[in-house]
Amino acid sequence: MSIIAMPPGDVDVMFQTSKRMLNVGLRGMRDDCAFSLDGVARTPSTLHPNGVDLLAAGVDFSFFGHSLDWELLIEFNTDDIEQFAREHLDGLDLSARDLVSGTDPQAATLARLAIAHLKEPVVDRLYLEGLTTAITARALAFAARDKRAPSTGGTDARIQRAIDYIHAHLVDGMSISEIAGVACMSPSWFSRAFKAQTGTSVHKYVLGCRLERAQIALLTTNEPIGAIAHGFGFADHAHFSRLFKRRYGITPKEMRG
């Protein structure tokens, strides 16, 4: 999966999509724009505020216009999005759909958070994957509004296996896809099941575990605070201190003192 934040401005493109793509437009386009799929004029939702469009792979795509705001573009690996779709579309074939569209303020809000995070100097993969997973789920809901999401029940053993993996790899750079693979679940299903059974998201759970482990290191070792922050996956000393104080009410330096 690749995630791109595209700035506002003039757009003039023509190509064939090699992978399935999801586009979220925050404020839409000016009226003087043209869009076509396989040579046929279409009106995608991203021409309007809070628009969400999911394009199929192998489609001839052309667009000319002016974007009024930032947009979020997500490009998927074929196998990943097809598995994601099978869960959300209850077995329907996503490959037969050349355009899945809708307008969704909640997806746009999630896209704004993702775009803001992509502008940061250091990107948290877990946080970003969580946002894009939620956006993708909402986009697929347009294709199956009357379908029920797969049950998250009966997965306690899988979730526990994932939790054990998280604790064993806290110092490593983990992704939701990687953790979900340990549970033998897709990222979307795993994210829902994990929150249903733990009451929190994967990202918040991992962050909490890292802060707890860092707290122990502060109290039981003489390792520099910056080294502890880096060792448990925090971007830098300041980032670590900010999150630590938010959780414990004091800074790492104050706790060690």
Protein backbone atom coordinates (compact mmCIF):
# COMPACT_ATOMS: atom_id res chain seq x y z
CA MET A 1 0.00 0.00 0.00
CA SER A 2 1.26 3.50 -0.84
CA ILE A 3 -0.32 6.66 0.55
CA ILE A 4 0.11 10.08 -1.05
CA ALA A 5 -1.09 13.52 0.03
CA MET A 6 -1.72 15.64 -3.08
CA PRO A 7 -1.77 19.45 -2.73
CA PRO A 8 -4.44 21.68 -4.29
CA GLY A 9 -3.92 23.06 -7.78
CA ASP A 10 -4.24 22.20 -11.46
CA VAL A 11 -4.43 18.52 -12.40
CA ASP A 12 -4.01 17.12 -15.94
CA VAL A 13 -3.39 13.36 -16.10
CA MET A 14 -4.02 10.43 -18.43
CA PHE A 15 -2.87 6.89 -17.66
CA GLN A 16 -3.96 3.32 -17.02
CA THR A 17 -4.17 2.40 -13.36
CA SER A 18 -1.94 -0.59 -12.62
CA LYS A 19 -3.37 -1.01 -9.12
CA ARG A 20 -6.69 -0.26 -7.49
CA MET A 21 -6.72 3.27 -6.12
CA LEU A 22 -8.81 5.12 -3.55
CA ASN A 23 -9.09 8.90 -3.77
CA VAL A 24 -10.62 11.18 -1.11
CA GLY A 25 -11.32 14.79 -2.12
CA LEU A 26 -11.84 17.20 0.75
CA ARG A 27 -13.36 20.27 -0.94
CA GLY A 28 -13.87 18.94 -4.44
CA MET A 29 -13.01 20.49 -7.79
CA ARG A 30 -13.91 23.60 -9.76
CA ASP A 31 -16.76 23.21 -12.23
CA ASP A 32 -14.51 23.40 -15.30
CA CYS A 33 -13.20 19.82 -15.06
CA ALA A 34 -13.44 16.68 -17.17
CA PHE A 35 -13.17 13.06 -16.01
CA SER A 36 -13.38 9.80 -17.95
CA LEU A 37 -12.94 6.05 -17.41
CA ASP A 38 -12.10 3.93 -20.48
CA GLY A 39 -13.05 6.89 -22.65
CA VAL A 40 -16.50 7.32 -21.10
CA ALA A 41 -17.30 10.58 -19.32
CA ARG A 42 -18.10 9.98 -15.66
CA THR A 43 -18.85 12.12 -12.61
CA PRO A 44 -16.80 10.82 -9.67
CA SER A 45 -17.68 11.81 -6.12
CA THR A 46 -14.30 13.48 -5.58
CA LEU A 47 -15.50 16.33 -7.80
CA HIS A 48 -17.68 17.27 -4.80
CA PRO A 49 -16.78 18.02 -1.15
CA ASN A 50 -16.09 14.92 0.99
CA GLY A 51 -16.05 12.70 -2.12
CA VAL A 52 -14.64 9.16 -2.06
CA ASP A 53 -13.85 7.16 -5.24
CA LEU A 54 -12.38 3.66 -5.54
CA LEU A 55 -10.92 2.97 -9.01
CA ALA A 56 -10.35 -0.51 -10.41
CA ALA A 57 -6.97 -1.69 -11.68
CA GLY A 58 -6.46 -1.71 -15.42
CA VAL A 59 -8.86 1.18 -16.12
CA ASP A 60 -7.90 3.96 -18.56
CA PHE A 61 -8.18 7.10 -16.50
CA SER A 62 -8.07 10.75 -17.55
CA PHE A 63 -8.77 13.94 -15.64
CA PHE A 64 -8.42 17.65 -16.19
CA GLY A 65 -9.40 20.23 -13.60
CA HIS A 66 -8.41 22.21 -10.53
CA SER A 67 -8.42 20.74 -7.03
CA LEU A 68 -9.65 23.16 -4.36
CA ASP A 69 -7.97 21.40 -1.44
CA TRP A 70 -5.59 18.60 -0.52
CA GLU A 71 -6.56 15.07 -1.56
CA LEU A 72 -5.55 11.67 -0.23
CA LEU A 73 -4.61 8.97 -2.75
CA ILE A 74 -4.18 5.35 -1.61
CA GLU A 75 -2.79 2.69 -3.97
CA PHE A 76 -3.40 -0.93 -2.99
CA ASN A 77 -1.73 -4.24 -3.72
CA THR A 78 -4.27 -6.27 -5.69
CA ASP A 79 -4.40 -9.24 -3.31
CA ASP A 80 -4.84 -7.05 -0.23
CA ILE A 81 -7.75 -5.00 -1.56
CA GLU A 82 -9.49 -8.05 -3.02
CA GLN A 83 -9.39 -9.82 0.35
CA PHE A 84 -10.55 -6.63 2.05
CA ALA A 85 -13.43 -6.39 -0.43
CA ARG A 86 -14.50 -10.01 -0.03
CA GLU A 87 -15.03 -9.41 3.67
CA HIS A 88 -16.91 -6.14 3.28
CA LEU A 89 -18.85 -7.13 0.14
CA ASP A 90 -19.82 -10.59 1.43
CA GLY A 91 -18.19 -12.49 -1.42
CA LEU A 92 -18.99 -10.05 -4.24
CA ASP A 93 -16.32 -9.60 -6.91
CA LEU A 94 -14.80 -6.15 -6.52
CA SER A 95 -12.80 -6.53 -9.75
CA ALA A 96 -16.05 -6.21 -11.73
CA ARG A 97 -16.65 -2.71 -10.39
CA ASP A 98 -14.83 0.02 -12.29
CA LEU A 99 -15.85 2.82 -9.91
CA VAL A 100 -17.18 2.72 -6.35
CA SER A 101 -18.23 6.21 -5.27
CA GLY A 102 -19.91 8.17 -2.54
CA THR A 103 -19.66 11.26 -0.36
CA ASP A 104 -18.73 10.70 3.25
CA PRO A 105 -17.82 13.48 5.75
CA GLN A 106 -16.36 10.91 8.16
CA ALA A 107 -14.02 9.49 5.51
CA ALA A 108 -12.99 13.06 4.66
CA THR A 109 -12.25 13.76 8.34
CA LEU A 110 -10.07 10.64 8.50
CA ALA A 111 -8.34 11.75 5.29
CA ARG A 112 -7.60 15.16 6.82
CA LEU A 113 -5.93 13.44 9.77
CA ALA A 114 -3.88 11.25 7.41
CA ILE A 115 -2.82 14.22 5.28
CA ALA A 116 -1.81 16.21 8.36
CA HIS A 117 0.23 13.25 9.62
CA LEU A 118 1.95 12.80 6.25
CA LYS A 119 3.22 16.38 6.59
CA GLU A 120 4.99 15.48 9.84
CA PRO A 121 8.75 14.81 9.70
CA VAL A 122 8.28 11.30 11.12
CA VAL A 123 5.38 9.05 10.08
CA ASP A 124 3.83 6.48 12.43
CA ARG A 125 2.97 3.47 10.23
CA LEU A 126 0.45 2.00 12.66
CA TYR A 127 -1.44 5.26 13.01
CA LEU A 128 -1.49 5.89 9.26
CA GLU A 129 -2.56 2.32 8.43
CA GLY A 130 -5.36 2.56 10.97
CA LEU A 131 -6.70 5.70 9.28
CA THR A 132 -6.46 4.28 5.75
CA THR A 133 -8.07 1.00 6.83
CA ALA A 134 -11.04 2.91 8.22
CA ILE A 135 -11.31 5.06 5.07
CA THR A 136 -11.19 1.97 2.84
CA ALA A 137 -13.91 0.24 4.87
CA ARG A 138 -16.17 3.26 4.45
CA ALA A 139 -15.50 3.38 0.70
CA LEU A 140 -16.39 -0.30 0.31
CA ALA A 141 -19.61 0.31 2.21
CA PHE A 142 -20.85 2.23 -0.84
CA ALA A 143 -20.67 -1.02 -2.81
CA ALA A 144 -22.60 -3.05 -0.24
CA ARG A 145 -24.77 -0.80 1.92
CA ASP A 146 -27.07 -3.67 2.85
CA LYS A 147 -24.27 -6.14 3.66
CA ARG A 148 -23.25 -6.90 7.19
CA ALA A 149 -19.61 -6.71 8.20
CA PRO A 150 -18.11 -10.06 9.22
CA SER A 151 -18.52 -10.96 12.86
CA THR A 152 -15.66 -10.25 15.22
CA GLY A 153 -16.82 -12.90 17.66
CA GLY A 154 -14.97 -16.11 18.39
CA THR A 155 -11.53 -14.67 17.76
CA ASP A 156 -10.18 -14.45 21.33
CA ALA A 157 -7.33 -16.89 20.69
CA ARG A 158 -6.26 -15.03 17.56
CA ILE A 159 -6.33 -11.67 19.31
CA GLN A 160 -4.35 -13.06 22.24
CA ARG A 161 -1.77 -14.43 19.81
CA ALA A 162 -1.49 -10.96 18.29
CA ILE A 163 -1.13 -9.37 21.74
CA ASP A 164 1.65 -11.81 22.61
CA TYR A 165 3.38 -10.86 19.37
CA ILE A 166 3.05 -7.15 20.13
CA HIS A 167 4.67 -7.58 23.54
CA ALA A 168 7.49 -9.63 22.04
CA HIS A 169 8.24 -7.03 19.34
CA LEU A 170 7.68 -3.69 21.08
CA VAL A 171 11.14 -2.46 20.09
CA ASP A 172 10.52 -3.31 16.42
CA GLY A 173 8.70 -1.31 13.77
CA MET A 174 5.37 -3.14 13.48
CA SER A 175 2.54 -2.62 11.01
CA ILE A 176 -1.13 -3.55 11.34
CA SER A 177 -0.76 -5.91 8.39
CA GLU A 178 2.10 -7.70 10.11
CA ILE A 179 0.24 -8.09 13.41
CA ALA A 180 -2.96 -9.15 11.64
CA GLY A 181 -0.97 -11.83 9.80
CA VAL A 182 0.02 -13.35 13.14
CA ALA A 183 -3.70 -13.59 13.97
CA CYS A 184 -4.43 -15.06 10.51
CA MET A 185 -6.87 -12.22 9.84
CA SER A 186 -7.03 -9.42 7.29
CA PRO A 187 -6.06 -5.94 8.60
CA SER A 188 -9.66 -4.67 8.44
CA TRP A 189 -11.18 -7.64 10.25
CA PHE A 190 -8.35 -7.71 12.78
CA SER A 191 -8.70 -3.98 13.56
CA ARG A 192 -12.41 -4.37 14.32
CA ALA A 193 -11.96 -7.57 16.31
CA PHE A 194 -9.05 -6.12 18.30
CA LYS A 195 -11.01 -3.02 19.33
CA ALA A 196 -14.10 -5.09 20.11
CA GLN A 197 -12.14 -7.28 22.51
CA THR A 198 -9.66 -4.81 24.02
CA GLY A 199 -11.70 -1.61 23.93
CA THR A 200 -8.95 0.30 22.13
CA SER A 201 -7.31 0.54 18.72
CA VAL A 202 -4.15 -1.36 17.79
CA HIS A 203 -2.18 1.88 17.61
CA LYS A 204 -3.25 3.05 21.09
CA TYR A 205 -2.60 -0.39 22.56
CA VAL A 206 0.94 -0.57 21.15
CA LEU A 207 1.64 3.00 22.28
CA GLY A 208 0.45 2.21 25.80
CA CYS A 209 2.64 -0.90 25.98
CA ARG A 210 5.69 1.01 24.78
CA LEU A 211 5.12 3.74 27.35
CA GLU A 212 4.76 1.16 30.14
CA ARG A 213 7.96 -0.61 29.07
CA ALA A 214 9.76 2.74 28.82
CA GLN A 215 8.60 3.65 32.32
CA ILE A 216 10.15 0.45 33.67
CA ALA A 217 13.41 1.23 31.85
CA LEU A 218 13.45 4.74 33.36
CA LEU A 219 13.12 3.35 36.89
CA THR A 220 15.41 0.34 36.61
CA THR A 221 18.25 1.43 34.31
CA ASN A 222 20.64 4.35 33.88
CA GLU A 223 20.16 4.43 30.12
CA PRO A 224 19.80 7.98 28.72
CA ILE A 225 16.22 9.10 28.21
CA GLY A 226 16.84 9.76 24.52
CA ALA A 227 18.13 6.22 24.05
CA ILE A 228 15.08 4.78 25.81
CA ALA A 229 12.79 6.87 23.58
CA HIS A 230 14.55 5.67 20.43
CA GLY A 231 14.69 2.08 21.66
CA PHE A 232 10.90 1.90 22.06
CA GLY A 233 10.05 3.42 18.70
CA PHE A 234 9.41 7.08 19.57
CA ALA A 235 10.43 9.68 17.01
CA ASP A 236 12.63 11.67 19.40
CA HIS A 237 13.09 12.75 23.01
CA ALA A 238 10.46 15.52 22.75
CA HIS A 239 7.86 13.22 21.19
CA PHE A 240 8.44 10.63 23.90
CA SER A 241 8.25 13.22 26.71
CA ARG A 242 5.00 14.68 25.38
CA LEU A 243 3.25 11.31 25.17
CA PHE A 244 4.71 10.16 28.49
CA LYS A 245 3.44 13.25 30.34
CA ARG A 246 0.02 12.89 28.73
CA ARG A 247 -0.23 9.36 30.13
CA TYR A 248 1.48 9.70 33.53
CA GLY A 249 1.14 13.40 34.35
CA ILE A 250 4.90 13.95 34.70
CA THR A 251 7.84 14.00 32.30
CA PRO A 252 10.31 11.09 31.96
CA LYS A 253 12.96 13.25 33.66
CA GLU A 254 10.66 13.97 36.59
CA MET A 255 9.78 10.31 36.97
CA ARG A 256 13.43 9.28 36.99
CA GLY A 257 14.21 12.02 39.51
